Amino acid sequence: IPNDERMIEFAKNAVDIARQLSVKFIVHSSCAGANSNSAYKMVRYQGTIDDYIRESGIPYAITRPQSFMQNFLHFYAHDIRQGETYSATGRGGVSWIDVRDIAAVNAKIILNPQKYEGCELELTGSEILSFKEAVNKIADEIGRSVRVNEISTEDARKGMRLAGLSKFNIDMLSSIN
């Protein structure tokens, strides 16, 4: 489900159609800590979707990754190549995970649905790293120096606005930070 203001509506439509078509099992990749009562937008939206799946009557499994390694390729590669990037995430640790590992877990669930019915699995990488620590590991691997500039959430929001992100996506990304 894309990060879109209508993502809950999209997910509910998919589940409703699955119910109409007598789909036998749903595997949903949610997010770590998903909770429909959360103050954090991403966590609340995913929690609302998870609740709808649970209440659908369709057997299910939910996987909950934290943050994708591919974000470094899609969002930070240019900055890393230039030797400087920005972070509003503070010093907190994240369990970065490769989306191919998430897909492998989801495939295993699909192949063994009875074994995983009703399971809600937190998916993690092999270690917990701050954004700066993860960038430093990448820099070491590629043999470059990369400076990570810590910025405020407000400065990050301003940068995202200047980059043309919608208010919804800015709010979603800020809630992750």
N, C-alpha and C. Protein backbone atom coordinates (compact mmCIF):
# COMPACT_ATOMS: atom_id res chain seq x y z
N ILE A 1 0.87 -1.17 0.00
CA ILE A 1 0.00 0.00 0.00
C ILE A 1 0.91 1.23 0.00
N PRO A 2 0.72 2.12 -0.94
CA PRO A 2 1.60 3.29 -1.02
C PRO A 2 1.32 4.29 0.10
N ASN A 3 2.33 5.11 0.42
CA ASN A 3 2.11 6.20 1.36
C ASN A 3 1.26 7.24 0.66
N ASP A 4 0.00 7.20 0.92
CA ASP A 4 -0.97 8.07 0.27
C ASP A 4 -2.05 8.37 1.30
N GLU A 5 -2.64 9.53 1.20
CA GLU A 5 -3.70 9.90 2.15
C GLU A 5 -4.83 8.87 2.17
N ARG A 6 -4.98 8.13 1.08
CA ARG A 6 -6.06 7.14 0.97
C ARG A 6 -5.59 5.72 1.26
N MET A 7 -4.42 5.57 1.87
CA MET A 7 -3.87 4.22 2.04
C MET A 7 -4.77 3.31 2.88
N ILE A 8 -5.43 3.86 3.89
CA ILE A 8 -6.35 3.03 4.69
C ILE A 8 -7.53 2.61 3.82
N GLU A 9 -8.06 3.54 3.06
CA GLU A 9 -9.16 3.23 2.14
C GLU A 9 -8.73 2.16 1.13
N PHE A 10 -7.53 2.32 0.55
CA PHE A 10 -7.03 1.32 -0.41
C PHE A 10 -6.95 -0.06 0.23
N ALA A 11 -6.39 -0.11 1.44
CA ALA A 11 -6.23 -1.39 2.13
C ALA A 11 -7.59 -2.01 2.45
N LYS A 12 -8.51 -1.20 2.95
CA LYS A 12 -9.85 -1.73 3.25
C LYS A 12 -10.52 -2.26 1.99
N ASN A 13 -10.38 -1.53 0.88
CA ASN A 13 -10.95 -2.01 -0.39
C ASN A 13 -10.35 -3.35 -0.78
N ALA A 14 -9.04 -3.50 -0.64
CA ALA A 14 -8.37 -4.75 -0.99
C ALA A 14 -8.88 -5.90 -0.12
N VAL A 15 -9.02 -5.65 1.18
CA VAL A 15 -9.51 -6.69 2.09
C VAL A 15 -10.96 -7.03 1.78
N ASP A 16 -11.77 -6.02 1.50
CA ASP A 16 -13.18 -6.28 1.17
C ASP A 16 -13.30 -7.12 -0.10
N ILE A 17 -12.50 -6.80 -1.11
CA ILE A 17 -12.51 -7.59 -2.34
C ILE A 17 -12.00 -9.00 -2.08
N ALA A 18 -10.96 -9.12 -1.25
CA ALA A 18 -10.45 -10.45 -0.89
C ALA A 18 -11.55 -11.28 -0.23
N ARG A 19 -12.33 -10.65 0.64
CA ARG A 19 -13.43 -11.37 1.30
C ARG A 19 -14.47 -11.80 0.27
N GLN A 20 -14.84 -10.90 -0.66
CA GLN A 20 -15.82 -11.22 -1.70
C GLN A 20 -15.35 -12.37 -2.60
N LEU A 21 -14.04 -12.44 -2.83
CA LEU A 21 -13.47 -13.47 -3.70
C LEU A 21 -13.09 -14.74 -2.95
N SER A 22 -13.41 -14.78 -1.66
CA SER A 22 -13.10 -15.94 -0.81
C SER A 22 -11.61 -16.25 -0.77
N VAL A 23 -10.80 -15.19 -0.72
CA VAL A 23 -9.34 -15.37 -0.55
C VAL A 23 -9.12 -16.14 0.75
N LYS A 24 -8.21 -17.08 0.71
CA LYS A 24 -8.02 -17.99 1.84
C LYS A 24 -7.00 -17.50 2.88
N PHE A 25 -6.14 -16.54 2.48
CA PHE A 25 -5.09 -16.10 3.41
C PHE A 25 -4.54 -14.75 2.97
N ILE A 26 -4.27 -13.88 3.93
CA ILE A 26 -3.66 -12.57 3.67
C ILE A 26 -2.32 -12.49 4.38
N VAL A 27 -1.29 -12.05 3.68
CA VAL A 27 -0.02 -11.69 4.29
C VAL A 27 0.15 -10.19 4.09
N HIS A 28 0.29 -9.47 5.17
CA HIS A 28 0.41 -8.01 5.10
C HIS A 28 1.74 -7.58 5.72
N SER A 29 2.51 -6.80 4.97
CA SER A 29 3.71 -6.17 5.53
C SER A 29 3.30 -4.82 6.08
N SER A 30 3.36 -4.69 7.36
CA SER A 30 2.93 -3.50 8.08
C SER A 30 4.16 -2.69 8.46
N CYS A 31 4.26 -2.27 9.70
CA CYS A 31 5.46 -1.59 10.18
C CYS A 31 5.65 -1.92 11.66
N ALA A 32 6.88 -1.82 12.11
CA ALA A 32 7.19 -2.12 13.51
C ALA A 32 6.36 -1.23 14.43
N GLY A 33 5.78 -1.84 15.44
CA GLY A 33 5.02 -1.09 16.43
C GLY A 33 3.66 -0.62 15.98
N ALA A 34 3.16 -1.13 14.85
CA ALA A 34 1.87 -0.68 14.32
C ALA A 34 0.81 -0.71 15.42
N ASN A 35 0.07 0.40 15.54
CA ASN A 35 -0.93 0.53 16.60
C ASN A 35 -1.91 1.62 16.19
N SER A 36 -3.17 1.26 16.05
CA SER A 36 -4.18 2.21 15.59
C SER A 36 -4.41 3.36 16.56
N ASN A 37 -3.90 3.26 17.78
CA ASN A 37 -4.06 4.32 18.78
C ASN A 37 -2.80 5.19 18.93
N SER A 38 -1.82 4.96 18.09
CA SER A 38 -0.55 5.69 18.22
C SER A 38 -0.69 7.16 17.84
N ALA A 39 0.12 7.98 18.45
CA ALA A 39 0.20 9.40 18.08
C ALA A 39 1.01 9.58 16.80
N TYR A 40 1.78 8.55 16.41
CA TYR A 40 2.64 8.64 15.22
C TYR A 40 1.87 8.17 14.00
N LYS A 41 1.82 9.01 13.00
CA LYS A 41 0.95 8.79 11.84
C LYS A 41 1.21 7.47 11.13
N MET A 42 2.46 7.18 10.79
CA MET A 42 2.76 5.93 10.06
C MET A 42 2.31 4.71 10.87
N VAL A 43 2.64 4.71 12.14
CA VAL A 43 2.31 3.59 13.03
C VAL A 43 0.79 3.47 13.18
N ARG A 44 0.11 4.62 13.29
CA ARG A 44 -1.35 4.61 13.44
C ARG A 44 -2.03 4.12 12.17
N TYR A 45 -1.60 4.59 11.02
CA TYR A 45 -2.21 4.16 9.76
C TYR A 45 -2.02 2.66 9.56
N GLN A 46 -0.80 2.17 9.76
CA GLN A 46 -0.56 0.74 9.58
C GLN A 46 -1.33 -0.06 10.63
N GLY A 47 -1.42 0.44 11.85
CA GLY A 47 -2.19 -0.25 12.89
C GLY A 47 -3.66 -0.34 12.53
N THR A 48 -4.20 0.70 11.93
CA THR A 48 -5.60 0.70 11.49
C THR A 48 -5.82 -0.35 10.41
N ILE A 49 -4.88 -0.46 9.49
CA ILE A 49 -4.96 -1.49 8.45
C ILE A 49 -4.86 -2.88 9.08
N ASP A 50 -3.91 -3.06 10.00
CA ASP A 50 -3.78 -4.35 10.68
C ASP A 50 -5.08 -4.74 11.38
N ASP A 51 -5.71 -3.78 12.08
CA ASP A 51 -6.97 -4.05 12.77
C ASP A 51 -8.03 -4.53 11.78
N TYR A 52 -8.11 -3.89 10.64
CA TYR A 52 -9.13 -4.24 9.64
C TYR A 52 -8.89 -5.66 9.12
N ILE A 53 -7.64 -6.00 8.92
CA ILE A 53 -7.32 -7.36 8.47
C ILE A 53 -7.71 -8.37 9.56
N ARG A 54 -7.36 -8.09 10.82
CA ARG A 54 -7.72 -9.00 11.92
C ARG A 54 -9.23 -9.22 11.99
N GLU A 55 -9.98 -8.14 11.78
CA GLU A 55 -11.45 -8.19 11.91
C GLU A 55 -12.15 -8.73 10.67
N SER A 56 -11.39 -8.98 9.60
CA SER A 56 -11.99 -9.38 8.32
C SER A 56 -12.54 -10.79 8.32
N GLY A 57 -12.06 -11.63 9.22
CA GLY A 57 -12.46 -13.03 9.21
C GLY A 57 -11.62 -13.89 8.28
N ILE A 58 -10.72 -13.26 7.55
CA ILE A 58 -9.82 -14.01 6.66
C ILE A 58 -8.58 -14.37 7.45
N PRO A 59 -8.14 -15.63 7.40
CA PRO A 59 -6.88 -15.98 8.07
C PRO A 59 -5.74 -15.09 7.53
N TYR A 60 -4.83 -14.75 8.42
CA TYR A 60 -3.80 -13.77 8.05
C TYR A 60 -2.50 -14.01 8.81
N ALA A 61 -1.47 -13.36 8.32
CA ALA A 61 -0.21 -13.17 9.05
C ALA A 61 0.24 -11.75 8.73
N ILE A 62 0.85 -11.11 9.70
CA ILE A 62 1.33 -9.74 9.52
C ILE A 62 2.81 -9.71 9.84
N THR A 63 3.58 -9.16 8.91
CA THR A 63 5.01 -8.96 9.18
C THR A 63 5.23 -7.47 9.43
N ARG A 64 6.15 -7.19 10.35
CA ARG A 64 6.37 -5.80 10.76
C ARG A 64 7.85 -5.44 10.71
N PRO A 65 8.33 -5.03 9.53
CA PRO A 65 9.72 -4.56 9.45
C PRO A 65 9.81 -3.14 10.01
N GLN A 66 11.03 -2.74 10.36
CA GLN A 66 11.21 -1.40 10.90
C GLN A 66 11.59 -0.40 9.81
N SER A 67 12.75 -0.53 9.25
CA SER A 67 13.17 0.42 8.22
C SER A 67 13.99 -0.31 7.16
N PHE A 68 13.82 0.08 5.93
CA PHE A 68 14.39 -0.64 4.80
C PHE A 68 15.80 -0.17 4.46
N MET A 69 16.69 -1.13 4.28
CA MET A 69 18.05 -0.81 3.81
C MET A 69 18.00 -0.08 2.47
N GLN A 70 17.02 -0.41 1.63
CA GLN A 70 16.93 0.20 0.30
C GLN A 70 16.69 1.70 0.37
N ASN A 71 16.25 2.21 1.53
CA ASN A 71 16.09 3.66 1.66
C ASN A 71 17.40 4.39 1.39
N PHE A 72 18.51 3.74 1.73
CA PHE A 72 19.81 4.38 1.47
C PHE A 72 20.06 4.50 -0.03
N LEU A 73 19.59 3.54 -0.81
CA LEU A 73 19.73 3.62 -2.27
C LEU A 73 18.78 4.64 -2.88
N HIS A 74 17.54 4.60 -2.43
CA HIS A 74 16.51 5.41 -3.06
C HIS A 74 16.51 6.87 -2.61
N PHE A 75 16.87 7.12 -1.37
CA PHE A 75 16.75 8.47 -0.85
C PHE A 75 18.08 9.15 -0.51
N TYR A 76 19.12 8.37 -0.27
CA TYR A 76 20.37 8.97 0.22
C TYR A 76 21.58 8.73 -0.67
N ALA A 77 21.44 7.96 -1.72
CA ALA A 77 22.60 7.60 -2.54
C ALA A 77 23.31 8.83 -3.10
N HIS A 78 22.55 9.79 -3.60
CA HIS A 78 23.17 11.00 -4.15
C HIS A 78 23.97 11.73 -3.08
N ASP A 79 23.37 11.92 -1.92
CA ASP A 79 24.07 12.61 -0.82
C ASP A 79 25.32 11.86 -0.40
N ILE A 80 25.21 10.53 -0.31
CA ILE A 80 26.36 9.73 0.11
C ILE A 80 27.48 9.85 -0.93
N ARG A 81 27.13 9.81 -2.20
CA ARG A 81 28.14 10.00 -3.25
C ARG A 81 28.79 11.37 -3.15
N GLN A 82 28.01 12.38 -2.74
CA GLN A 82 28.55 13.74 -2.61
C GLN A 82 29.35 13.93 -1.32
N GLY A 83 29.24 12.95 -0.40
CA GLY A 83 30.03 13.01 0.84
C GLY A 83 29.37 13.72 1.99
N GLU A 84 28.07 14.00 1.86
CA GLU A 84 27.38 14.72 2.94
C GLU A 84 25.89 14.43 2.88
N THR A 85 25.30 14.12 4.03
CA THR A 85 23.87 13.88 4.10
C THR A 85 23.32 14.51 5.36
N TYR A 86 22.01 14.46 5.52
CA TYR A 86 21.32 15.11 6.63
C TYR A 86 20.41 14.13 7.33
N SER A 87 20.27 14.31 8.63
CA SER A 87 19.43 13.41 9.40
C SER A 87 18.70 14.19 10.49
N ALA A 88 17.40 13.91 10.59
CA ALA A 88 16.60 14.46 11.68
C ALA A 88 16.16 13.34 12.62
N THR A 89 16.85 12.20 12.54
CA THR A 89 16.42 11.03 13.31
C THR A 89 17.02 10.96 14.70
N GLY A 90 17.94 11.86 15.00
CA GLY A 90 18.57 11.80 16.31
C GLY A 90 19.51 10.62 16.43
N ARG A 91 19.72 10.19 17.63
CA ARG A 91 20.69 9.12 17.87
C ARG A 91 20.05 7.75 18.08
N GLY A 92 18.74 7.68 17.94
CA GLY A 92 18.05 6.43 18.16
C GLY A 92 18.46 5.35 17.19
N GLY A 93 18.39 4.11 17.64
CA GLY A 93 18.76 2.99 16.81
C GLY A 93 17.60 2.44 16.02
N VAL A 94 17.92 1.90 14.87
CA VAL A 94 16.93 1.31 13.97
C VAL A 94 17.45 -0.06 13.54
N SER A 95 16.54 -0.99 13.40
CA SER A 95 16.89 -2.30 12.89
C SER A 95 16.62 -2.32 11.39
N TRP A 96 17.61 -1.90 10.62
CA TRP A 96 17.48 -1.83 9.16
C TRP A 96 17.37 -3.25 8.60
N ILE A 97 16.48 -3.43 7.62
CA ILE A 97 16.29 -4.74 7.03
C ILE A 97 16.16 -4.60 5.51
N ASP A 98 16.73 -5.56 4.81
CA ASP A 98 16.67 -5.59 3.36
C ASP A 98 15.28 -6.07 2.93
N VAL A 99 14.68 -5.39 1.97
CA VAL A 99 13.34 -5.79 1.52
C VAL A 99 13.32 -7.20 0.94
N ARG A 100 14.46 -7.67 0.44
CA ARG A 100 14.51 -9.05 -0.06
C ARG A 100 14.35 -10.04 1.08
N ASP A 101 14.83 -9.69 2.27
CA ASP A 101 14.64 -10.56 3.43
C ASP A 101 13.17 -10.56 3.86
N ILE A 102 12.54 -9.41 3.78
CA ILE A 102 11.10 -9.34 4.09
C ILE A 102 10.33 -10.21 3.10
N ALA A 103 10.66 -10.10 1.83
CA ALA A 103 9.99 -10.91 0.80
C ALA A 103 10.20 -12.40 1.05
N ALA A 104 11.39 -12.78 1.48
CA ALA A 104 11.67 -14.19 1.76
C ALA A 104 10.80 -14.71 2.90
N VAL A 105 10.65 -13.90 3.94
CA VAL A 105 9.79 -14.30 5.07
C VAL A 105 8.34 -14.40 4.60
N ASN A 106 7.89 -13.39 3.85
CA ASN A 106 6.51 -13.42 3.37
C ASN A 106 6.26 -14.63 2.47
N ALA A 107 7.25 -14.98 1.62
CA ALA A 107 7.11 -16.16 0.76
C ALA A 107 7.00 -17.43 1.60
N LYS A 108 7.80 -17.52 2.65
CA LYS A 108 7.74 -18.70 3.53
C LYS A 108 6.35 -18.81 4.18
N ILE A 109 5.80 -17.67 4.56
CA ILE A 109 4.45 -17.66 5.14
C ILE A 109 3.43 -18.13 4.12
N ILE A 110 3.52 -17.61 2.90
CA ILE A 110 2.57 -17.98 1.85
C ILE A 110 2.63 -19.48 1.56
N LEU A 111 3.82 -20.05 1.63
CA LEU A 111 3.98 -21.48 1.37
C LEU A 111 3.55 -22.36 2.54
N ASN A 112 3.43 -21.77 3.74
CA ASN A 112 3.05 -22.52 4.95
C ASN A 112 1.99 -21.74 5.74
N PRO A 113 0.86 -21.38 5.13
CA PRO A 113 -0.08 -20.49 5.81
C PRO A 113 -0.63 -21.04 7.13
N GLN A 114 -0.85 -22.35 7.21
CA GLN A 114 -1.41 -22.90 8.45
C GLN A 114 -0.44 -22.69 9.61
N LYS A 115 0.84 -22.79 9.35
CA LYS A 115 1.85 -22.64 10.40
C LYS A 115 1.88 -21.21 10.94
N TYR A 116 1.55 -20.23 10.10
CA TYR A 116 1.71 -18.82 10.50
C TYR A 116 0.38 -18.10 10.71
N GLU A 117 -0.72 -18.81 10.61
CA GLU A 117 -2.03 -18.15 10.76
C GLU A 117 -2.12 -17.41 12.09
N GLY A 118 -2.48 -16.14 12.01
CA GLY A 118 -2.63 -15.29 13.19
C GLY A 118 -1.32 -14.74 13.73
N CYS A 119 -0.21 -15.10 13.12
CA CYS A 119 1.09 -14.61 13.60
C CYS A 119 1.30 -13.15 13.20
N GLU A 120 1.96 -12.44 14.09
CA GLU A 120 2.36 -11.07 13.82
C GLU A 120 3.84 -10.99 14.17
N LEU A 121 4.67 -10.92 13.15
CA LEU A 121 6.11 -11.09 13.30
C LEU A 121 6.86 -9.77 13.12
N GLU A 122 7.62 -9.38 14.14
CA GLU A 122 8.50 -8.22 14.04
C GLU A 122 9.75 -8.68 13.27
N LEU A 123 10.04 -8.03 12.16
CA LEU A 123 11.20 -8.39 11.35
C LEU A 123 12.32 -7.39 11.59
N THR A 124 13.51 -7.91 11.85
CA THR A 124 14.65 -7.04 12.15
C THR A 124 15.86 -7.45 11.34
N GLY A 125 16.77 -6.51 11.22
CA GLY A 125 18.06 -6.81 10.63
C GLY A 125 18.94 -7.42 11.70
N SER A 126 20.21 -7.56 11.39
CA SER A 126 21.12 -8.25 12.31
C SER A 126 21.63 -7.37 13.44
N GLU A 127 21.49 -6.03 13.31
CA GLU A 127 21.94 -5.16 14.39
C GLU A 127 21.15 -3.86 14.38
N ILE A 128 21.18 -3.18 15.50
CA ILE A 128 20.50 -1.89 15.63
C ILE A 128 21.54 -0.79 15.46
N LEU A 129 21.26 0.11 14.49
CA LEU A 129 22.20 1.19 14.19
C LEU A 129 21.45 2.51 14.09
N SER A 130 22.09 3.58 14.53
CA SER A 130 21.55 4.90 14.27
C SER A 130 21.75 5.18 12.78
N PHE A 131 21.11 6.21 12.29
CA PHE A 131 21.28 6.59 10.89
C PHE A 131 22.76 6.87 10.62
N LYS A 132 23.38 7.60 11.52
CA LYS A 132 24.80 7.96 11.34
C LYS A 132 25.68 6.71 11.32
N GLU A 133 25.43 5.76 12.21
CA GLU A 133 26.21 4.52 12.22
C GLU A 133 26.03 3.74 10.92
N ALA A 134 24.78 3.70 10.42
CA ALA A 134 24.52 2.98 9.16
C ALA A 134 25.25 3.67 8.00
N VAL A 135 25.20 5.00 7.95
CA VAL A 135 25.90 5.74 6.88
C VAL A 135 27.40 5.50 6.99
N ASN A 136 27.93 5.49 8.21
CA ASN A 136 29.37 5.25 8.39
C ASN A 136 29.77 3.86 7.89
N LYS A 137 28.92 2.86 8.10
CA LYS A 137 29.21 1.51 7.59
C LYS A 137 29.22 1.51 6.07
N ILE A 138 28.26 2.20 5.48
CA ILE A 138 28.21 2.29 4.02
C ILE A 138 29.46 3.01 3.51
N ALA A 139 29.81 4.11 4.16
CA ALA A 139 31.00 4.88 3.76
C ALA A 139 32.25 4.01 3.82
N ASP A 140 32.38 3.22 4.88
CA ASP A 140 33.54 2.32 4.99
C ASP A 140 33.57 1.32 3.84
N GLU A 141 32.40 0.78 3.50
CA GLU A 141 32.32 -0.21 2.42
C GLU A 141 32.69 0.37 1.06
N ILE A 142 32.28 1.61 0.82
CA ILE A 142 32.55 2.21 -0.49
C ILE A 142 33.84 3.02 -0.50
N GLY A 143 34.51 3.08 0.65
CA GLY A 143 35.79 3.76 0.73
C GLY A 143 35.71 5.27 0.60
N ARG A 144 34.66 5.84 1.15
CA ARG A 144 34.48 7.29 1.11
C ARG A 144 34.18 7.82 2.49
N SER A 145 34.44 9.09 2.65
CA SER A 145 34.07 9.78 3.88
C SER A 145 32.72 10.45 3.63
N VAL A 146 31.80 10.26 4.56
CA VAL A 146 30.48 10.88 4.44
C VAL A 146 30.14 11.55 5.76
N ARG A 147 29.88 12.84 5.70
CA ARG A 147 29.50 13.58 6.91
C ARG A 147 27.99 13.55 7.06
N VAL A 148 27.52 13.25 8.27
CA VAL A 148 26.09 13.26 8.57
C VAL A 148 25.81 14.50 9.40
N ASN A 149 25.01 15.40 8.87
CA ASN A 149 24.63 16.63 9.56
C ASN A 149 23.30 16.42 10.26
N GLU A 150 23.30 16.56 11.56
CA GLU A 150 22.06 16.44 12.33
C GLU A 150 21.28 17.74 12.18
N ILE A 151 20.00 17.63 11.83
CA ILE A 151 19.15 18.81 11.67
C ILE A 151 17.88 18.63 12.50
N SER A 152 17.19 19.71 12.74
CA SER A 152 15.94 19.65 13.50
C SER A 152 14.82 19.08 12.63
N THR A 153 13.78 18.62 13.30
CA THR A 153 12.61 18.12 12.58
C THR A 153 12.02 19.22 11.70
N GLU A 154 11.98 20.44 12.22
CA GLU A 154 11.43 21.54 11.43
C GLU A 154 12.25 21.80 10.18
N ASP A 155 13.59 21.78 10.30
CA ASP A 155 14.42 21.96 9.12
C ASP A 155 14.22 20.81 8.13
N ALA A 156 14.04 19.60 8.64
CA ALA A 156 13.78 18.46 7.76
C ALA A 156 12.45 18.66 7.03
N ARG A 157 11.44 19.12 7.75
CA ARG A 157 10.13 19.38 7.14
C ARG A 157 10.25 20.45 6.05
N LYS A 158 11.01 21.50 6.33
CA LYS A 158 11.22 22.56 5.32
C LYS A 158 11.89 21.99 4.08
N GLY A 159 12.92 21.16 4.27
CA GLY A 159 13.62 20.55 3.15
C GLY A 159 12.70 19.66 2.33
N MET A 160 11.83 18.90 3.01
CA MET A 160 10.90 18.05 2.28
C MET A 160 9.89 18.87 1.50
N ARG A 161 9.45 20.00 2.10
CA ARG A 161 8.53 20.89 1.37
C ARG A 161 9.20 21.43 0.11
N LEU A 162 10.46 21.87 0.26
CA LEU A 162 11.21 22.40 -0.88
C LEU A 162 11.42 21.33 -1.96
N ALA A 163 11.51 20.07 -1.54
CA ALA A 163 11.68 18.97 -2.48
C ALA A 163 10.37 18.57 -3.15
N GLY A 164 9.26 19.20 -2.72
CA GLY A 164 7.97 18.96 -3.36
C GLY A 164 7.13 17.85 -2.77
N LEU A 165 7.50 17.36 -1.58
CA LEU A 165 6.69 16.31 -0.96
C LEU A 165 5.36 16.89 -0.48
N SER A 166 4.33 16.06 -0.50
CA SER A 166 3.01 16.49 -0.02
C SER A 166 3.04 16.60 1.50
N LYS A 167 2.11 17.36 2.06
CA LYS A 167 2.01 17.49 3.52
C LYS A 167 1.83 16.11 4.15
N PHE A 168 1.01 15.27 3.52
CA PHE A 168 0.78 13.93 4.05
C PHE A 168 2.10 13.16 4.16
N ASN A 169 2.88 13.14 3.09
CA ASN A 169 4.15 12.40 3.13
C ASN A 169 5.15 13.01 4.09
N ILE A 170 5.16 14.32 4.20
CA ILE A 170 6.03 14.98 5.18
C ILE A 170 5.63 14.54 6.59
N ASP A 171 4.33 14.53 6.87
CA ASP A 171 3.85 14.09 8.18
C ASP A 171 4.20 12.62 8.44
N MET A 172 4.04 11.77 7.42
CA MET A 172 4.37 10.35 7.59
C MET A 172 5.85 10.17 7.88
N LEU A 173 6.70 10.80 7.08
CA LEU A 173 8.15 10.65 7.27
C LEU A 173 8.60 11.26 8.59
N SER A 174 8.02 12.39 8.97
CA SER A 174 8.38 13.01 10.24
C SER A 174 7.96 12.14 11.42
N SER A 175 6.84 11.43 11.26
CA SER A 175 6.38 10.57 12.36
C SER A 175 7.33 9.39 12.55
N ILE A 176 8.00 8.96 11.49
CA ILE A 176 8.98 7.88 11.61
C ILE A 176 10.20 8.37 12.37
N ASN A 177 10.61 9.60 12.10
CA ASN A 177 11.78 10.17 12.79
C ASN A 177 11.54 10.28 14.27
